[in-house]
Structure formats: structure tokens, C-alpha cells
Amino acid sequence: MDPYRTWSLDPLVVAIAYDTPYFTYLDDSAVAPTTILGDGRLAVQALAAASLDLLVLDAFNSDAVPPHLLTSEAIESYMRVLKPGGVLAFNLSNRYYDLSTAVGATARQLGLETFGRDQVPDAAAIESNGATSSTWVVVGRPGDSSRFLATGWAPVDALPPVLTDDYPDFTRVLRWAP
């Protein structure tokens, strides 16, 4: 099995990710990633149980947030492929939606723990490369909390809505501008 895989629906996103004048993360990686075109949620369903240490979802920063990646059914399928002690991490950075509470509520309904953290770049990173803040949520099994709390993560408020494949409406977590 490849130690590092990425999935994307959009071939243009893949091309940009490998375009070194813009991004060097994949080229600089210690392990060359395998990039697969296709729906990541469907691909995860085909993976063997307990086969991953870490699963990162980073599909939420555009105006078109894919709610089917945040439902209880989706989170169950992600957790199925994680090894004991494995971590599910979401980059939930978004100007229009507060997705953290919805992920928290959905994960709690499944008996999982969620912790959040805002990554705020320092002035030098903003100046040198235009770094921006990001919002991260990690999901783990009960008993995983000590390692997150010890490293500065905070429990996520688990406020409705609980998202399901039958009811993925997350308009209730819109950020309303004054």
C-alpha cells in the first residue's frame, strides 16, 4: 500500500498542486505521494479496514462545500479504515460556514471525540508567502483526548446539526455577516 495518497475530483487541482512555482509541498515530500483522480469518499469505502494511520480531508475552503463528505455515514466509513489510535483530520477553513460544530455534533452522535484548533500564521509567514489562518478539527475514538489536549487542541462544541446522507443541510451553520 502507498504510504501517502491523495484524491481529487478535479484534474486542474492536481495539475496546480504539482506546479512548483505555486506549490512545492508534494515535490518536497519525503515520500512521493500517489495522486488518484476520483471521489475520495468512494475510494475510502474500498480500502481495507484499519489500514490508515491518518486521513485528512481538505475540501471545504471554497464556496461550494461538499456536504456529503461531512455526514455521519461518511465519518463512519473514514473511521472504519483508521487503525487503533488513527486520526481523522479536517481542514474546515471557510469564510462562509462554521463547519466545526456540525462535524463535532455528527462525530459525537457516533460516540467519537472532536478537538479543534485554529492555526494562525505569524506576521513573517503572512508577509513572505501570504499565509492565511486555517481551522482544523481532529476526530478520534474515545480515550484519545489526552494527546490532543496536551498539544493545545480544545474540545469542539458539538452543536446541531447532525449531518446525514438523507439530511446533509448545513445552511444552519452559515456565518451571518452583520
N, C-alpha and C. Protein backbone atom coordinates (compact mmCIF):
# COMPACT_ATOMS: atom_id res chain seq x y z
N MET A 1 0.85 -1.18 0.00
CA MET A 1 0.00 0.00 0.00
C MET A 1 0.89 1.24 0.00
N ASP A 2 0.45 2.24 -0.72
CA ASP A 2 1.18 3.50 -0.76
C ASP A 2 1.13 4.18 0.60
N PRO A 3 2.26 4.69 1.09
CA PRO A 3 2.24 5.34 2.39
C PRO A 3 1.59 6.73 2.36
N TYR A 4 1.43 7.30 1.17
CA TYR A 4 0.90 8.66 1.07
C TYR A 4 0.10 8.76 -0.22
N ARG A 5 -1.23 8.92 -0.07
CA ARG A 5 -2.11 9.02 -1.22
C ARG A 5 -2.96 10.27 -1.12
N THR A 6 -3.26 10.85 -2.27
CA THR A 6 -4.19 11.97 -2.33
C THR A 6 -5.24 11.64 -3.38
N TRP A 7 -6.44 12.17 -3.17
CA TRP A 7 -7.52 12.02 -4.13
C TRP A 7 -8.05 13.40 -4.47
N SER A 8 -8.44 13.56 -5.72
CA SER A 8 -9.08 14.79 -6.14
C SER A 8 -10.03 14.50 -7.29
N LEU A 9 -11.16 15.17 -7.28
CA LEU A 9 -12.11 15.06 -8.38
C LEU A 9 -11.67 15.88 -9.59
N ASP A 10 -10.88 16.89 -9.36
CA ASP A 10 -10.58 17.88 -10.38
C ASP A 10 -9.15 17.75 -10.89
N PRO A 11 -8.96 17.38 -12.17
CA PRO A 11 -7.60 17.26 -12.70
C PRO A 11 -6.84 18.59 -12.68
N LEU A 12 -7.54 19.71 -12.77
CA LEU A 12 -6.88 21.00 -12.70
C LEU A 12 -6.27 21.23 -11.32
N VAL A 13 -6.96 20.82 -10.27
CA VAL A 13 -6.43 20.95 -8.91
C VAL A 13 -5.15 20.12 -8.78
N VAL A 14 -5.14 18.93 -9.35
CA VAL A 14 -3.94 18.09 -9.30
C VAL A 14 -2.80 18.76 -10.05
N ALA A 15 -3.08 19.29 -11.23
CA ALA A 15 -2.04 19.96 -12.01
C ALA A 15 -1.46 21.15 -11.25
N ILE A 16 -2.31 21.92 -10.61
CA ILE A 16 -1.84 23.09 -9.84
C ILE A 16 -1.04 22.63 -8.63
N ALA A 17 -1.46 21.56 -7.98
CA ALA A 17 -0.75 21.06 -6.79
C ALA A 17 0.68 20.64 -7.13
N TYR A 18 0.92 20.22 -8.35
CA TYR A 18 2.26 19.81 -8.77
C TYR A 18 2.99 20.91 -9.53
N ASP A 19 2.41 22.09 -9.62
CA ASP A 19 3.02 23.22 -10.33
C ASP A 19 3.95 23.95 -9.37
N THR A 20 5.25 23.66 -9.43
CA THR A 20 6.20 24.13 -8.42
C THR A 20 6.33 25.64 -8.28
N PRO A 21 6.05 26.45 -9.29
CA PRO A 21 6.09 27.89 -8.98
C PRO A 21 5.03 28.30 -7.96
N TYR A 22 3.96 27.50 -7.84
CA TYR A 22 2.90 27.82 -6.89
C TYR A 22 2.98 26.99 -5.61
N PHE A 23 3.24 25.70 -5.76
CA PHE A 23 3.26 24.79 -4.61
C PHE A 23 4.45 23.85 -4.73
N THR A 24 5.11 23.59 -3.61
CA THR A 24 6.24 22.65 -3.62
C THR A 24 6.05 21.52 -2.61
N TYR A 25 4.95 21.54 -1.89
CA TYR A 25 4.75 20.57 -0.82
C TYR A 25 4.85 19.13 -1.33
N LEU A 26 4.17 18.82 -2.43
CA LEU A 26 4.18 17.44 -2.93
C LEU A 26 5.56 17.07 -3.48
N ASP A 27 6.20 17.98 -4.19
CA ASP A 27 7.54 17.70 -4.70
C ASP A 27 8.57 17.58 -3.58
N ASP A 28 8.40 18.34 -2.52
CA ASP A 28 9.34 18.33 -1.41
C ASP A 28 9.08 17.21 -0.40
N SER A 29 8.00 16.49 -0.56
CA SER A 29 7.62 15.46 0.40
C SER A 29 8.69 14.38 0.49
N ALA A 30 8.94 13.90 1.71
CA ALA A 30 9.93 12.83 1.92
C ALA A 30 9.50 11.54 1.24
N VAL A 31 8.19 11.36 1.10
CA VAL A 31 7.64 10.19 0.41
C VAL A 31 6.82 10.70 -0.76
N ALA A 32 7.11 10.21 -1.96
CA ALA A 32 6.37 10.65 -3.14
C ALA A 32 4.91 10.17 -3.03
N PRO A 33 3.97 11.11 -3.10
CA PRO A 33 2.57 10.72 -2.99
C PRO A 33 2.05 10.10 -4.29
N THR A 34 1.06 9.26 -4.14
CA THR A 34 0.31 8.76 -5.28
C THR A 34 -0.95 9.60 -5.35
N THR A 35 -1.20 10.20 -6.49
CA THR A 35 -2.39 11.05 -6.64
C THR A 35 -3.38 10.33 -7.53
N ILE A 36 -4.61 10.23 -7.04
CA ILE A 36 -5.66 9.48 -7.73
C ILE A 36 -6.79 10.44 -8.06
N LEU A 37 -7.22 10.42 -9.33
CA LEU A 37 -8.39 11.21 -9.72
C LEU A 37 -9.64 10.41 -9.38
N GLY A 38 -10.54 11.03 -8.66
CA GLY A 38 -11.78 10.36 -8.31
C GLY A 38 -12.33 10.88 -7.00
N ASP A 39 -13.48 10.36 -6.64
CA ASP A 39 -14.18 10.75 -5.43
C ASP A 39 -13.52 10.08 -4.23
N GLY A 40 -12.95 10.86 -3.34
CA GLY A 40 -12.25 10.33 -2.18
C GLY A 40 -13.15 9.51 -1.27
N ARG A 41 -14.40 9.94 -1.10
CA ARG A 41 -15.29 9.18 -0.20
C ARG A 41 -15.52 7.78 -0.75
N LEU A 42 -15.72 7.66 -2.05
CA LEU A 42 -15.91 6.34 -2.64
C LEU A 42 -14.63 5.52 -2.55
N ALA A 43 -13.49 6.15 -2.75
CA ALA A 43 -12.21 5.45 -2.67
C ALA A 43 -11.96 4.91 -1.27
N VAL A 44 -12.30 5.70 -0.25
CA VAL A 44 -12.09 5.26 1.14
C VAL A 44 -12.95 4.04 1.43
N GLN A 45 -14.14 3.99 0.89
CA GLN A 45 -15.02 2.84 1.13
C GLN A 45 -14.42 1.54 0.60
N ALA A 46 -13.54 1.65 -0.39
CA ALA A 46 -12.91 0.46 -0.98
C ALA A 46 -11.65 0.03 -0.23
N LEU A 47 -11.17 0.83 0.72
CA LEU A 47 -9.95 0.49 1.46
C LEU A 47 -10.23 -0.57 2.51
N ALA A 48 -9.20 -1.30 2.85
CA ALA A 48 -9.30 -2.31 3.90
C ALA A 48 -9.52 -1.64 5.26
N ALA A 49 -10.23 -2.31 6.12
CA ALA A 49 -10.44 -1.82 7.48
C ALA A 49 -9.10 -1.70 8.20
N ALA A 50 -8.99 -0.70 9.06
CA ALA A 50 -7.80 -0.47 9.90
C ALA A 50 -6.52 -0.44 9.07
N SER A 51 -6.56 0.29 7.96
CA SER A 51 -5.39 0.33 7.07
C SER A 51 -4.67 1.68 7.05
N LEU A 52 -5.22 2.70 7.69
CA LEU A 52 -4.61 4.03 7.67
C LEU A 52 -4.33 4.54 9.08
N ASP A 53 -3.24 5.30 9.21
CA ASP A 53 -2.94 5.98 10.46
C ASP A 53 -3.56 7.36 10.52
N LEU A 54 -3.69 7.98 9.37
CA LEU A 54 -4.17 9.36 9.28
C LEU A 54 -4.96 9.52 8.00
N LEU A 55 -6.09 10.18 8.09
CA LEU A 55 -6.90 10.54 6.93
C LEU A 55 -7.23 12.01 7.06
N VAL A 56 -6.79 12.80 6.08
CA VAL A 56 -7.00 14.25 6.09
C VAL A 56 -8.00 14.61 5.00
N LEU A 57 -9.02 15.38 5.36
CA LEU A 57 -9.98 15.89 4.39
C LEU A 57 -9.78 17.38 4.29
N ASP A 58 -9.54 17.84 3.08
CA ASP A 58 -9.24 19.25 2.83
C ASP A 58 -10.01 19.69 1.59
N ALA A 59 -11.32 19.78 1.72
CA ALA A 59 -12.17 20.09 0.57
C ALA A 59 -13.22 21.14 0.90
N PHE A 60 -12.96 21.97 1.90
CA PHE A 60 -14.04 22.79 2.44
C PHE A 60 -13.81 24.29 2.36
N ASN A 61 -12.75 24.74 1.71
CA ASN A 61 -12.46 26.17 1.75
C ASN A 61 -13.05 26.96 0.58
N SER A 62 -13.71 26.31 -0.35
CA SER A 62 -14.32 27.05 -1.45
C SER A 62 -15.75 27.43 -1.11
N ASP A 63 -16.40 28.10 -2.03
CA ASP A 63 -17.80 28.46 -1.84
C ASP A 63 -18.72 27.25 -1.98
N ALA A 64 -18.26 26.21 -2.65
CA ALA A 64 -19.06 25.02 -2.88
C ALA A 64 -18.58 23.90 -1.97
N VAL A 65 -19.07 23.90 -0.75
CA VAL A 65 -18.66 22.91 0.25
C VAL A 65 -19.39 21.59 -0.04
N PRO A 66 -18.67 20.46 -0.11
CA PRO A 66 -19.31 19.16 -0.37
C PRO A 66 -19.86 18.54 0.91
N PRO A 67 -21.15 18.72 1.20
CA PRO A 67 -21.70 18.23 2.47
C PRO A 67 -21.64 16.71 2.61
N HIS A 68 -21.62 15.98 1.50
CA HIS A 68 -21.61 14.52 1.59
C HIS A 68 -20.32 13.99 2.23
N LEU A 69 -19.30 14.83 2.34
CA LEU A 69 -18.06 14.41 3.00
C LEU A 69 -18.10 14.58 4.51
N LEU A 70 -19.17 15.20 5.03
CA LEU A 70 -19.26 15.52 6.45
C LEU A 70 -20.39 14.78 7.18
N THR A 71 -21.05 13.88 6.50
CA THR A 71 -22.20 13.20 7.10
C THR A 71 -21.77 12.08 8.05
N SER A 72 -22.71 11.63 8.87
CA SER A 72 -22.38 10.55 9.80
C SER A 72 -21.98 9.29 9.05
N GLU A 73 -22.61 9.02 7.92
CA GLU A 73 -22.24 7.84 7.14
C GLU A 73 -20.82 7.96 6.60
N ALA A 74 -20.45 9.15 6.16
CA ALA A 74 -19.10 9.37 5.66
C ALA A 74 -18.08 9.22 6.78
N ILE A 75 -18.35 9.83 7.93
CA ILE A 75 -17.42 9.75 9.05
C ILE A 75 -17.28 8.30 9.52
N GLU A 76 -18.37 7.54 9.53
CA GLU A 76 -18.27 6.11 9.89
C GLU A 76 -17.33 5.38 8.93
N SER A 77 -17.44 5.68 7.63
CA SER A 77 -16.58 4.98 6.67
C SER A 77 -15.12 5.40 6.84
N TYR A 78 -14.88 6.67 7.19
CA TYR A 78 -13.50 7.12 7.44
C TYR A 78 -12.93 6.41 8.67
N MET A 79 -13.72 6.34 9.72
CA MET A 79 -13.23 5.73 10.96
C MET A 79 -12.99 4.23 10.78
N ARG A 80 -13.74 3.59 9.91
CA ARG A 80 -13.56 2.16 9.65
C ARG A 80 -12.16 1.86 9.13
N VAL A 81 -11.59 2.76 8.34
CA VAL A 81 -10.28 2.49 7.73
C VAL A 81 -9.11 2.94 8.60
N LEU A 82 -9.40 3.60 9.73
CA LEU A 82 -8.32 4.04 10.61
C LEU A 82 -7.90 2.93 11.56
N LYS A 83 -6.60 2.81 11.74
CA LYS A 83 -6.06 1.87 12.72
C LYS A 83 -6.41 2.36 14.13
N PRO A 84 -6.31 1.49 15.14
CA PRO A 84 -6.48 1.97 16.52
C PRO A 84 -5.49 3.12 16.77
N GLY A 85 -5.98 4.20 17.33
CA GLY A 85 -5.16 5.38 17.55
C GLY A 85 -5.04 6.27 16.32
N GLY A 86 -5.65 5.88 15.21
CA GLY A 86 -5.62 6.68 13.99
C GLY A 86 -6.42 7.96 14.15
N VAL A 87 -6.10 8.93 13.31
CA VAL A 87 -6.71 10.25 13.42
C VAL A 87 -7.38 10.64 12.10
N LEU A 88 -8.56 11.18 12.22
CA LEU A 88 -9.29 11.79 11.12
C LEU A 88 -9.15 13.29 11.29
N ALA A 89 -8.59 13.97 10.30
CA ALA A 89 -8.35 15.42 10.41
C ALA A 89 -9.07 16.15 9.29
N PHE A 90 -9.75 17.21 9.65
CA PHE A 90 -10.48 18.03 8.68
C PHE A 90 -9.88 19.44 8.67
N ASN A 91 -9.54 19.94 7.48
CA ASN A 91 -9.25 21.36 7.33
C ASN A 91 -10.58 22.00 6.97
N LEU A 92 -11.20 22.66 7.94
CA LEU A 92 -12.54 23.21 7.77
C LEU A 92 -12.53 24.72 7.56
N SER A 93 -11.43 25.24 7.10
CA SER A 93 -11.31 26.68 6.86
C SER A 93 -12.34 27.10 5.82
N ASN A 94 -13.16 28.06 6.19
CA ASN A 94 -14.19 28.53 5.28
C ASN A 94 -14.69 29.89 5.75
N ARG A 95 -14.82 30.81 4.81
CA ARG A 95 -15.29 32.15 5.17
C ARG A 95 -16.78 32.20 5.45
N TYR A 96 -17.54 31.25 4.91
CA TYR A 96 -19.00 31.36 4.95
C TYR A 96 -19.68 30.41 5.93
N TYR A 97 -19.00 29.32 6.29
CA TYR A 97 -19.63 28.32 7.15
C TYR A 97 -18.75 28.03 8.36
N ASP A 98 -19.39 27.79 9.51
CA ASP A 98 -18.70 27.30 10.69
C ASP A 98 -18.97 25.80 10.74
N LEU A 99 -18.13 25.04 10.06
CA LEU A 99 -18.35 23.61 9.92
C LEU A 99 -17.89 22.81 11.14
N SER A 100 -17.10 23.42 11.99
CA SER A 100 -16.55 22.70 13.15
C SER A 100 -17.64 22.15 14.05
N THR A 101 -18.64 22.95 14.35
CA THR A 101 -19.69 22.50 15.27
C THR A 101 -20.52 21.38 14.65
N ALA A 102 -20.75 21.44 13.33
CA ALA A 102 -21.51 20.38 12.67
C ALA A 102 -20.73 19.07 12.67
N VAL A 103 -19.41 19.14 12.42
CA VAL A 103 -18.58 17.94 12.49
C VAL A 103 -18.56 17.42 13.93
N GLY A 104 -18.45 18.33 14.89
CA GLY A 104 -18.47 17.93 16.29
C GLY A 104 -19.75 17.21 16.67
N ALA A 105 -20.89 17.75 16.25
CA ALA A 105 -22.18 17.13 16.58
C ALA A 105 -22.33 15.78 15.89
N THR A 106 -21.91 15.72 14.65
CA THR A 106 -22.04 14.48 13.89
C THR A 106 -21.13 13.40 14.49
N ALA A 107 -19.89 13.76 14.82
CA ALA A 107 -18.96 12.80 15.42
C ALA A 107 -19.43 12.36 16.81
N ARG A 108 -19.92 13.30 17.61
CA ARG A 108 -20.40 12.95 18.95
C ARG A 108 -21.55 11.96 18.87
N GLN A 109 -22.44 12.16 17.91
CA GLN A 109 -23.57 11.24 17.73
C GLN A 109 -23.06 9.83 17.43
N LEU A 110 -21.85 9.70 16.87
CA LEU A 110 -21.24 8.40 16.59
C LEU A 110 -20.38 7.89 17.75
N GLY A 111 -20.34 8.64 18.85
CA GLY A 111 -19.55 8.23 20.01
C GLY A 111 -18.07 8.58 19.89
N LEU A 112 -17.74 9.54 19.05
CA LEU A 112 -16.36 9.93 18.81
C LEU A 112 -16.05 11.25 19.51
N GLU A 113 -14.76 11.54 19.67
CA GLU A 113 -14.32 12.79 20.29
C GLU A 113 -13.78 13.72 19.21
N THR A 114 -14.03 15.03 19.38
CA THR A 114 -13.53 16.01 18.42
C THR A 114 -12.80 17.13 19.14
N PHE A 115 -11.74 17.59 18.50
CA PHE A 115 -10.92 18.67 19.05
C PHE A 115 -10.59 19.62 17.91
N GLY A 116 -10.57 20.90 18.23
CA GLY A 116 -10.31 21.90 17.21
C GLY A 116 -9.13 22.78 17.53
N ARG A 117 -8.64 23.41 16.50
CA ARG A 117 -7.51 24.32 16.66
C ARG A 117 -7.45 25.25 15.46
N ASP A 118 -7.30 26.53 15.73
CA ASP A 118 -7.07 27.50 14.66
C ASP A 118 -5.57 27.70 14.53
N GLN A 119 -5.06 27.54 13.33
CA GLN A 119 -3.65 27.80 13.05
C GLN A 119 -3.56 29.22 12.51
N VAL A 120 -2.87 30.07 13.23
CA VAL A 120 -2.72 31.47 12.82
C VAL A 120 -1.25 31.71 12.51
N PRO A 121 -0.95 32.06 11.26
CA PRO A 121 0.45 32.28 10.91
C PRO A 121 0.99 33.55 11.54
N ASP A 122 2.31 33.55 11.75
CA ASP A 122 2.91 34.77 12.28
C ASP A 122 3.06 35.80 11.16
N ALA A 123 3.38 37.01 11.54
CA ALA A 123 3.48 38.11 10.58
C ALA A 123 4.48 37.81 9.48
N ALA A 124 5.59 37.16 9.81
CA ALA A 124 6.62 36.85 8.82
C ALA A 124 6.07 35.91 7.74
N ALA A 125 5.31 34.90 8.14
CA ALA A 125 4.74 33.96 7.17
C ALA A 125 3.70 34.65 6.29
N ILE A 126 2.94 35.54 6.87
CA ILE A 126 1.96 36.29 6.08
C ILE A 126 2.68 37.17 5.06
N GLU A 127 3.71 37.84 5.51
CA GLU A 127 4.46 38.75 4.64
C GLU A 127 5.22 37.99 3.56
N SER A 128 5.89 36.91 3.91
CA SER A 128 6.77 36.24 2.96
C SER A 128 6.03 35.39 1.93
N ASN A 129 4.95 34.75 2.33
CA ASN A 129 4.28 33.87 1.36
C ASN A 129 2.76 33.97 1.37
N GLY A 130 2.21 34.97 2.02
CA GLY A 130 0.76 35.17 2.00
C GLY A 130 -0.01 34.14 2.80
N ALA A 131 0.63 33.54 3.79
CA ALA A 131 -0.03 32.53 4.62
C ALA A 131 -1.32 33.09 5.23
N THR A 132 -2.30 32.22 5.37
CA THR A 132 -3.57 32.61 5.98
C THR A 132 -3.91 31.65 7.12
N SER A 133 -4.84 32.06 7.94
CA SER A 133 -5.28 31.22 9.05
C SER A 133 -6.03 30.00 8.53
N SER A 134 -6.06 28.95 9.33
CA SER A 134 -6.83 27.76 8.97
C SER A 134 -7.49 27.19 10.23
N THR A 135 -8.60 26.53 10.02
CA THR A 135 -9.35 25.91 11.10
C THR A 135 -9.29 24.40 10.92
N TRP A 136 -8.79 23.71 11.95
CA TRP A 136 -8.64 22.26 11.89
C TRP A 136 -9.47 21.60 12.98
N VAL A 137 -10.06 20.46 12.65
CA VAL A 137 -10.76 19.62 13.61
C VAL A 137 -10.23 18.20 13.43
N VAL A 138 -9.89 17.56 14.55
CA VAL A 138 -9.49 16.16 14.53
C VAL A 138 -10.55 15.34 15.23
N VAL A 139 -10.75 14.13 14.74
CA VAL A 139 -11.74 13.22 15.30
C VAL A 139 -11.00 11.95 15.69
N GLY A 140 -11.27 11.49 16.90
CA GLY A 140 -10.66 10.26 17.39
C GLY A 140 -11.66 9.43 18.17
N ARG A 141 -11.22 8.25 18.48
CA ARG A 141 -12.06 7.36 19.28
C ARG A 141 -11.98 7.76 20.75
N PRO A 142 -12.96 7.36 21.55
CA PRO A 142 -12.90 7.67 22.98
C PRO A 142 -11.58 7.20 23.58
N GLY A 143 -11.02 8.03 24.43
CA GLY A 143 -9.75 7.72 25.05
C GLY A 143 -8.56 8.37 24.37
N ASP A 144 -8.77 9.00 23.22
CA ASP A 144 -7.68 9.67 22.50
C ASP A 144 -7.45 11.10 22.97
N SER A 145 -8.28 11.58 23.89
CA SER A 145 -8.28 13.01 24.21
C SER A 145 -6.98 13.53 24.80
N SER A 146 -6.30 12.74 25.59
CA SER A 146 -5.12 13.28 26.29
C SER A 146 -4.04 13.76 25.33
N ARG A 147 -3.82 13.06 24.24
CA ARG A 147 -2.77 13.50 23.31
C ARG A 147 -3.14 14.79 22.59
N PHE A 148 -4.42 15.01 22.37
CA PHE A 148 -4.83 16.26 21.73
C PHE A 148 -4.80 17.42 22.72
N LEU A 149 -5.34 17.20 23.90
CA LEU A 149 -5.35 18.26 24.90
C LEU A 149 -3.93 18.68 25.28
N ALA A 150 -3.02 17.73 25.33
CA ALA A 150 -1.63 18.03 25.71
C ALA A 150 -0.90 18.86 24.67
N THR A 151 -1.41 18.90 23.46
CA THR A 151 -0.74 19.65 22.40
C THR A 151 -1.52 20.88 21.95
N GLY A 152 -2.44 21.35 22.81
CA GLY A 152 -3.10 22.61 22.54
C GLY A 152 -4.41 22.56 21.78
N TRP A 153 -4.94 21.37 21.56
CA TRP A 153 -6.25 21.26 20.92
C TRP A 153 -7.32 21.42 21.99
N ALA A 154 -8.48 21.96 21.61
CA ALA A 154 -9.59 22.16 22.54
C ALA A 154 -10.80 21.36 22.07
N PRO A 155 -11.61 20.85 23.00
CA PRO A 155 -12.83 20.15 22.58
C PRO A 155 -13.71 21.07 21.73
N VAL A 156 -14.33 20.48 20.72
CA VAL A 156 -15.20 21.24 19.82
C VAL A 156 -16.61 21.23 20.38
N ASP A 157 -17.26 22.39 20.36
CA ASP A 157 -18.67 22.45 20.72
C ASP A 157 -19.45 21.60 19.73
N ALA A 158 -20.20 20.67 20.23
CA ALA A 158 -20.97 19.78 19.36
C ALA A 158 -22.39 20.30 19.26
N LEU A 159 -22.58 21.30 18.44
CA LEU A 159 -23.89 21.92 18.27
C LEU A 159 -24.54 21.39 17.00
N PRO A 160 -25.86 21.24 17.02
CA PRO A 160 -26.53 20.78 15.81
C PRO A 160 -26.20 21.70 14.64
N PRO A 161 -26.24 21.20 13.45
CA PRO A 161 -26.93 20.00 13.02
C PRO A 161 -26.04 18.77 12.99
N VAL A 162 -26.66 17.59 13.16
CA VAL A 162 -26.02 16.32 12.84
C VAL A 162 -26.32 16.09 11.37
N LEU A 163 -25.29 15.90 10.60
CA LEU A 163 -25.46 15.73 9.15
C LEU A 163 -25.56 14.26 8.80
N THR A 164 -26.49 13.93 7.91
CA THR A 164 -26.63 12.55 7.42
C THR A 164 -26.74 12.59 5.91
N ASP A 165 -26.57 11.44 5.28
CA ASP A 165 -26.73 11.39 3.82
C ASP A 165 -28.14 11.78 3.42
N ASP A 166 -29.12 11.46 4.26
CA ASP A 166 -30.51 11.82 3.96
C ASP A 166 -30.80 13.29 4.25
N TYR A 167 -30.02 13.90 5.15
CA TYR A 167 -30.25 15.29 5.52
C TYR A 167 -28.92 16.01 5.75
N PRO A 168 -28.23 16.36 4.64
CA PRO A 168 -26.91 17.00 4.76
C PRO A 168 -26.95 18.53 4.78
N ASP A 169 -28.11 19.10 5.14
CA ASP A 169 -28.27 20.55 5.10
C ASP A 169 -27.42 21.23 6.17
N PHE A 170 -26.39 21.93 5.74
CA PHE A 170 -25.55 22.64 6.70
C PHE A 170 -25.72 24.15 6.56
N THR A 171 -26.80 24.60 5.92
CA THR A 171 -27.04 26.03 5.85
C THR A 171 -27.28 26.63 7.23
N ARG A 172 -27.57 25.77 8.21
CA ARG A 172 -27.78 26.24 9.58
C ARG A 172 -26.47 26.68 10.23
N VAL A 173 -25.33 26.41 9.59
CA VAL A 173 -24.04 26.83 10.16
C VAL A 173 -23.43 27.95 9.32
N LEU A 174 -24.26 28.64 8.56
CA LEU A 174 -23.79 29.82 7.83
C LEU A 174 -23.28 30.87 8.79
N ARG A 175 -22.22 31.53 8.41
CA ARG A 175 -21.72 32.67 9.19
C ARG A 175 -22.47 33.90 8.69
N TRP A 176 -23.25 34.50 9.53
CA TRP A 176 -24.04 35.66 9.14
C TRP A 176 -23.22 36.92 9.35
N ALA A 177 -23.08 37.69 8.31
CA ALA A 177 -22.34 38.95 8.41
C ALA A 177 -23.25 40.01 9.00
N PRO A 178 -22.72 40.86 9.88
CA PRO A 178 -23.56 41.91 10.48
C PRO A 178 -23.94 42.96 9.47
